[in-house]
């Protein structure tokens, strides 16, 4: 019997060079990334073995790799992360990725701007 498990990697912090403006691409900014994946956790729950579970260290490494590739839009980065999750982590049945740019250059005070992609 399937056991739907949600695994969340929350507030992963990265310094990256994403943004439309040239200054953002040169200076960079702080980003927070949240990833939520759903998988069948029945075997992991029964066996207590990592080989039967979704390895979230692999997810972190995948997110880190994609965050290191500069992009003009957060939507593009989020899409790359989602596509990589489905391609490289076959146990993923559903995922949601949220990327937040801290202190975005908006001409006023703002904590963050976020993009969320779900599939």
N, C-alpha and C. Protein backbone atom coordinates (compact mmCIF):
# COMPACT_ATOMS: atom_id res chain seq x y z
N UNK A 1 0.83 -1.18 0.00
CA UNK A 1 0.00 0.00 0.00
C UNK A 1 0.89 1.25 0.00
N UNK A 2 0.56 2.22 -0.85
CA UNK A 2 1.32 3.46 -0.95
C UNK A 2 1.17 4.30 0.31
N UNK A 3 2.27 4.95 0.67
CA UNK A 3 2.25 5.92 1.77
C UNK A 3 2.85 7.20 1.23
N UNK A 4 2.01 8.17 0.98
CA UNK A 4 2.47 9.43 0.41
C UNK A 4 3.24 10.20 1.48
N UNK A 5 4.50 10.52 1.17
CA UNK A 5 5.36 11.25 2.08
C UNK A 5 5.76 12.56 1.42
N UNK A 6 5.70 13.63 2.19
CA UNK A 6 6.17 14.93 1.71
C UNK A 6 7.49 15.23 2.40
N UNK A 7 8.50 15.54 1.61
CA UNK A 7 9.81 15.92 2.13
C UNK A 7 10.05 17.37 1.74
N UNK A 8 10.41 18.19 2.73
CA UNK A 8 10.61 19.62 2.48
C UNK A 8 12.01 20.04 2.88
N UNK A 9 12.70 20.67 1.96
CA UNK A 9 13.99 21.30 2.24
C UNK A 9 13.70 22.78 2.30
N UNK A 10 13.86 23.36 3.49
CA UNK A 10 13.38 24.71 3.73
C UNK A 10 14.50 25.72 3.95
N UNK A 11 14.33 26.87 3.33
CA UNK A 11 15.23 28.01 3.51
C UNK A 11 16.69 27.69 3.25
N UNK A 12 16.94 26.99 2.16
CA UNK A 12 18.32 26.77 1.73
C UNK A 12 18.85 28.13 1.26
N UNK A 13 20.01 28.52 1.72
CA UNK A 13 20.56 29.84 1.40
C UNK A 13 21.67 29.72 0.36
N UNK A 14 21.59 30.61 -0.63
CA UNK A 14 22.59 30.64 -1.69
C UNK A 14 22.92 32.09 -2.04
N UNK A 15 24.15 32.33 -2.39
CA UNK A 15 24.53 33.60 -3.00
C UNK A 15 24.67 33.31 -4.48
N UNK A 16 23.89 34.03 -5.30
CA UNK A 16 23.86 33.72 -6.73
C UNK A 16 23.73 34.99 -7.55
N UNK A 17 23.78 34.83 -8.85
CA UNK A 17 23.84 35.97 -9.78
C UNK A 17 22.65 35.95 -10.74
N UNK A 18 21.45 35.89 -10.18
CA UNK A 18 20.23 35.87 -10.98
C UNK A 18 19.62 37.27 -11.00
N UNK A 19 19.17 37.69 -12.16
CA UNK A 19 18.48 38.97 -12.24
C UNK A 19 18.52 39.55 -13.63
N UNK A 20 17.56 40.40 -13.90
CA UNK A 20 17.44 41.04 -15.20
C UNK A 20 18.51 42.13 -15.39
N UNK A 21 18.81 42.85 -14.32
CA UNK A 21 19.72 43.99 -14.42
C UNK A 21 21.18 43.55 -14.39
N UNK A 22 22.00 44.26 -15.15
CA UNK A 22 23.42 43.94 -15.25
C UNK A 22 24.10 43.94 -13.88
N UNK A 23 23.73 44.89 -13.03
CA UNK A 23 24.32 44.95 -11.69
C UNK A 23 24.03 43.68 -10.89
N UNK A 24 22.81 43.14 -11.04
CA UNK A 24 22.46 41.91 -10.32
C UNK A 24 23.33 40.75 -10.79
N UNK A 25 23.64 40.73 -12.07
CA UNK A 25 24.44 39.65 -12.63
C UNK A 25 25.91 39.77 -12.25
N UNK A 26 26.36 40.98 -11.91
CA UNK A 26 27.76 41.19 -11.52
C UNK A 26 27.95 41.12 -10.01
N UNK A 27 27.04 41.75 -9.27
CA UNK A 27 27.18 41.84 -7.82
C UNK A 27 26.59 40.62 -7.11
N UNK A 28 25.48 40.11 -7.63
CA UNK A 28 24.82 38.97 -7.00
C UNK A 28 23.91 39.37 -5.87
N UNK A 29 23.31 38.37 -5.25
CA UNK A 29 22.35 38.61 -4.18
C UNK A 29 22.17 37.33 -3.39
N UNK A 30 21.51 37.46 -2.25
CA UNK A 30 21.15 36.31 -1.42
C UNK A 30 19.80 35.77 -1.87
N UNK A 31 19.69 34.45 -1.88
CA UNK A 31 18.45 33.78 -2.26
C UNK A 31 18.11 32.70 -1.24
N UNK A 32 16.82 32.49 -1.04
CA UNK A 32 16.32 31.37 -0.26
C UNK A 32 15.57 30.46 -1.20
N UNK A 33 15.78 29.15 -1.06
CA UNK A 33 15.08 28.18 -1.90
C UNK A 33 14.39 27.17 -0.99
N UNK A 34 13.11 26.94 -1.29
CA UNK A 34 12.33 25.92 -0.59
C UNK A 34 11.88 24.90 -1.63
N UNK A 35 12.09 23.63 -1.32
CA UNK A 35 11.68 22.55 -2.21
C UNK A 35 10.83 21.58 -1.42
N UNK A 36 9.68 21.25 -1.98
CA UNK A 36 8.80 20.24 -1.40
C UNK A 36 8.57 19.16 -2.45
N UNK A 37 8.85 17.92 -2.08
CA UNK A 37 8.61 16.80 -3.00
C UNK A 37 7.73 15.77 -2.31
N UNK A 38 6.92 15.11 -3.13
CA UNK A 38 6.09 14.03 -2.61
C UNK A 38 6.52 12.74 -3.29
N UNK A 39 6.51 11.68 -2.51
CA UNK A 39 6.95 10.38 -2.99
C UNK A 39 6.22 9.28 -2.24
N UNK A 40 6.34 8.06 -2.73
CA UNK A 40 5.79 6.91 -2.01
C UNK A 40 6.83 6.49 -0.97
N UNK A 41 6.49 6.63 0.28
CA UNK A 41 7.41 6.32 1.36
C UNK A 41 7.15 4.99 2.04
N UNK A 42 6.36 4.10 1.42
CA UNK A 42 6.00 2.85 2.07
C UNK A 42 7.23 1.99 2.39
N UNK A 43 8.12 1.81 1.42
CA UNK A 43 9.29 0.96 1.66
C UNK A 43 10.23 1.56 2.70
N UNK A 44 10.43 2.86 2.65
CA UNK A 44 11.29 3.52 3.64
C UNK A 44 10.70 3.37 5.04
N UNK A 45 9.39 3.53 5.16
CA UNK A 45 8.73 3.41 6.46
C UNK A 45 8.85 1.99 7.02
N UNK A 46 8.80 0.99 6.15
CA UNK A 46 8.89 -0.41 6.60
C UNK A 46 10.32 -0.84 6.90
N UNK A 47 11.27 -0.45 6.05
CA UNK A 47 12.61 -1.01 6.13
C UNK A 47 13.61 -0.19 6.93
N UNK A 48 13.36 1.11 7.10
CA UNK A 48 14.30 2.00 7.79
C UNK A 48 15.66 2.03 7.09
N UNK A 49 15.66 1.95 5.76
CA UNK A 49 16.88 1.92 4.96
C UNK A 49 16.89 3.08 3.96
N UNK A 50 18.00 3.80 3.91
CA UNK A 50 18.13 4.92 2.98
C UNK A 50 17.97 4.47 1.53
N UNK A 51 18.42 3.26 1.21
CA UNK A 51 18.31 2.79 -0.17
C UNK A 51 16.85 2.70 -0.63
N UNK A 52 15.91 2.66 0.31
CA UNK A 52 14.48 2.58 -0.02
C UNK A 52 13.77 3.92 0.16
N UNK A 53 14.56 4.98 0.36
CA UNK A 53 13.97 6.30 0.60
C UNK A 53 14.44 7.28 -0.46
N UNK A 54 13.78 8.40 -0.53
CA UNK A 54 14.21 9.49 -1.39
C UNK A 54 15.33 10.22 -0.65
N UNK A 55 16.49 10.29 -1.24
CA UNK A 55 17.68 10.88 -0.60
C UNK A 55 17.66 12.39 -0.78
N UNK A 56 17.35 13.12 0.28
CA UNK A 56 17.23 14.57 0.14
C UNK A 56 18.58 15.27 0.04
N UNK A 57 19.68 14.57 0.33
CA UNK A 57 21.00 15.16 0.07
C UNK A 57 21.20 15.33 -1.44
N UNK A 58 20.67 14.39 -2.21
CA UNK A 58 20.74 14.50 -3.67
C UNK A 58 19.95 15.71 -4.15
N UNK A 59 18.81 15.96 -3.52
CA UNK A 59 18.00 17.12 -3.89
C UNK A 59 18.76 18.41 -3.59
N UNK A 60 19.39 18.48 -2.43
CA UNK A 60 20.16 19.68 -2.09
C UNK A 60 21.26 19.91 -3.12
N UNK A 61 22.00 18.87 -3.46
CA UNK A 61 23.10 19.00 -4.43
C UNK A 61 22.57 19.47 -5.79
N UNK A 62 21.44 18.97 -6.18
CA UNK A 62 20.81 19.36 -7.45
C UNK A 62 20.42 20.84 -7.42
N UNK A 63 19.80 21.30 -6.34
CA UNK A 63 19.41 22.70 -6.20
C UNK A 63 20.64 23.59 -6.20
N UNK A 64 21.66 23.21 -5.47
CA UNK A 64 22.91 23.98 -5.41
C UNK A 64 23.51 24.13 -6.81
N UNK A 65 23.55 23.05 -7.55
CA UNK A 65 24.10 23.07 -8.91
C UNK A 65 23.33 24.05 -9.80
N UNK A 66 22.02 23.99 -9.74
CA UNK A 66 21.20 24.88 -10.59
C UNK A 66 21.28 26.33 -10.15
N UNK A 67 21.42 26.58 -8.86
CA UNK A 67 21.54 27.96 -8.37
C UNK A 67 22.86 28.59 -8.79
N UNK A 68 23.86 27.79 -9.08
CA UNK A 68 25.17 28.30 -9.50
C UNK A 68 25.18 28.76 -10.96
N UNK A 69 24.12 28.46 -11.72
CA UNK A 69 24.04 28.86 -13.13
C UNK A 69 23.27 30.19 -13.20
N UNK A 70 23.94 31.29 -13.57
CA UNK A 70 23.25 32.58 -13.62
C UNK A 70 22.09 32.58 -14.62
N UNK A 71 20.99 33.23 -14.22
CA UNK A 71 19.81 33.35 -15.07
C UNK A 71 19.23 34.75 -14.92
N UNK A 72 18.50 35.17 -15.93
CA UNK A 72 17.85 36.48 -15.88
C UNK A 72 16.58 36.44 -15.05
N UNK A 73 15.89 35.29 -15.05
CA UNK A 73 14.59 35.20 -14.37
C UNK A 73 14.55 34.05 -13.36
N UNK A 74 13.91 34.31 -12.23
CA UNK A 74 13.74 33.26 -11.22
C UNK A 74 12.85 32.14 -11.75
N UNK A 75 11.93 32.47 -12.64
CA UNK A 75 11.07 31.44 -13.24
C UNK A 75 11.92 30.41 -13.98
N UNK A 76 12.96 30.88 -14.64
CA UNK A 76 13.85 29.99 -15.39
C UNK A 76 14.62 29.07 -14.44
N UNK A 77 15.12 29.64 -13.36
CA UNK A 77 15.86 28.83 -12.37
C UNK A 77 14.92 27.79 -11.76
N UNK A 78 13.73 28.19 -11.36
CA UNK A 78 12.76 27.26 -10.76
C UNK A 78 12.42 26.15 -11.73
N UNK A 79 12.24 26.48 -13.00
CA UNK A 79 11.91 25.47 -14.00
C UNK A 79 13.06 24.48 -14.17
N UNK A 80 14.29 24.97 -14.17
CA UNK A 80 15.45 24.06 -14.28
C UNK A 80 15.50 23.10 -13.09
N UNK A 81 15.21 23.61 -11.91
CA UNK A 81 15.22 22.76 -10.72
C UNK A 81 14.13 21.70 -10.82
N UNK A 82 12.93 22.09 -11.21
CA UNK A 82 11.81 21.13 -11.33
C UNK A 82 12.15 20.07 -12.38
N UNK A 83 12.63 20.50 -13.54
CA UNK A 83 12.98 19.55 -14.60
C UNK A 83 14.07 18.58 -14.14
N UNK A 84 15.07 19.09 -13.44
CA UNK A 84 16.15 18.24 -12.94
C UNK A 84 15.64 17.25 -11.89
N UNK A 85 14.72 17.69 -11.04
CA UNK A 85 14.15 16.79 -10.03
C UNK A 85 13.48 15.59 -10.69
N UNK A 86 12.66 15.86 -11.69
CA UNK A 86 11.97 14.75 -12.36
C UNK A 86 12.93 13.88 -13.16
N UNK A 87 13.96 14.48 -13.73
CA UNK A 87 14.91 13.71 -14.54
C UNK A 87 15.87 12.88 -13.70
N UNK A 88 16.27 13.39 -12.54
CA UNK A 88 17.35 12.78 -11.77
C UNK A 88 16.90 12.07 -10.50
N UNK A 89 15.68 12.30 -10.07
CA UNK A 89 15.17 11.67 -8.85
C UNK A 89 13.84 11.00 -9.20
N UNK A 90 13.91 9.79 -9.76
CA UNK A 90 12.71 9.13 -10.28
C UNK A 90 11.59 8.93 -9.25
N UNK A 91 11.92 8.91 -7.97
CA UNK A 91 10.89 8.69 -6.94
C UNK A 91 9.98 9.89 -6.75
N UNK A 92 10.35 11.05 -7.30
CA UNK A 92 9.53 12.26 -7.14
C UNK A 92 8.22 12.09 -7.92
N UNK A 93 7.11 12.24 -7.21
CA UNK A 93 5.79 12.15 -7.83
C UNK A 93 5.16 13.53 -8.02
N UNK A 94 5.55 14.48 -7.20
CA UNK A 94 5.04 15.84 -7.26
C UNK A 94 6.08 16.74 -6.61
N UNK A 95 6.24 17.97 -7.12
CA UNK A 95 7.19 18.86 -6.47
C UNK A 95 6.74 20.31 -6.56
N UNK A 96 7.26 21.11 -5.64
CA UNK A 96 7.02 22.54 -5.61
C UNK A 96 8.34 23.21 -5.24
N UNK A 97 8.71 24.22 -6.02
CA UNK A 97 9.96 24.95 -5.79
C UNK A 97 9.63 26.42 -5.62
N UNK A 98 10.13 27.01 -4.55
CA UNK A 98 9.95 28.45 -4.30
C UNK A 98 11.32 29.07 -4.15
N UNK A 99 11.59 30.10 -4.97
CA UNK A 99 12.86 30.82 -4.90
C UNK A 99 12.56 32.26 -4.51
N UNK A 100 13.25 32.75 -3.48
CA UNK A 100 13.07 34.12 -3.01
C UNK A 100 14.37 34.89 -3.14
N UNK A 101 14.28 36.06 -3.75
CA UNK A 101 15.43 36.97 -3.83
C UNK A 101 15.29 37.96 -2.68
N UNK A 102 16.30 38.01 -1.81
CA UNK A 102 16.25 38.90 -0.66
C UNK A 102 16.68 40.30 -1.08
N UNK A 103 16.04 41.30 -0.50
CA UNK A 103 16.35 42.70 -0.78
C UNK A 103 16.46 43.00 -2.28
N UNK A 104 15.41 42.73 -3.05
CA UNK A 104 15.48 42.95 -4.49
C UNK A 104 15.60 44.45 -4.82
N UNK A 105 16.26 44.77 -5.92
CA UNK A 105 16.42 46.19 -6.29
C UNK A 105 15.13 46.75 -6.89
N UNK A 106 14.23 47.17 -6.03
CA UNK A 106 12.91 47.63 -6.47
C UNK A 106 12.73 49.14 -6.30
N UNK A 107 13.72 49.82 -5.79
CA UNK A 107 13.59 51.26 -5.58
C UNK A 107 12.89 51.59 -4.27
N UNK A 108 12.69 50.60 -3.43
CA UNK A 108 12.08 50.79 -2.12
C UNK A 108 12.43 49.62 -1.23
N UNK A 109 12.06 49.73 0.02
CA UNK A 109 12.39 48.67 0.98
C UNK A 109 11.44 47.50 0.82
N UNK A 110 12.04 46.31 0.65
CA UNK A 110 11.25 45.09 0.50
C UNK A 110 12.09 43.92 1.00
N UNK A 111 11.50 43.05 1.78
CA UNK A 111 12.23 41.91 2.32
C UNK A 111 12.65 40.94 1.21
N UNK A 112 11.70 40.58 0.35
CA UNK A 112 12.02 39.59 -0.68
C UNK A 112 10.93 39.58 -1.74
N UNK A 113 11.29 39.00 -2.88
CA UNK A 113 10.33 38.71 -3.93
C UNK A 113 10.49 37.22 -4.24
N UNK A 114 9.38 36.52 -4.47
CA UNK A 114 9.43 35.07 -4.62
C UNK A 114 8.70 34.60 -5.88
N UNK A 115 9.19 33.50 -6.41
CA UNK A 115 8.55 32.82 -7.53
C UNK A 115 8.35 31.36 -7.09
N UNK A 116 7.17 30.82 -7.33
CA UNK A 116 6.87 29.44 -6.98
C UNK A 116 6.41 28.70 -8.24
N UNK A 117 7.00 27.52 -8.44
CA UNK A 117 6.63 26.67 -9.56
C UNK A 117 6.27 25.30 -9.00
N UNK A 118 5.15 24.77 -9.43
CA UNK A 118 4.66 23.50 -8.92
C UNK A 118 4.29 22.59 -10.08
N UNK A 119 4.69 21.34 -9.96
CA UNK A 119 4.31 20.36 -10.97
C UNK A 119 4.23 18.98 -10.36
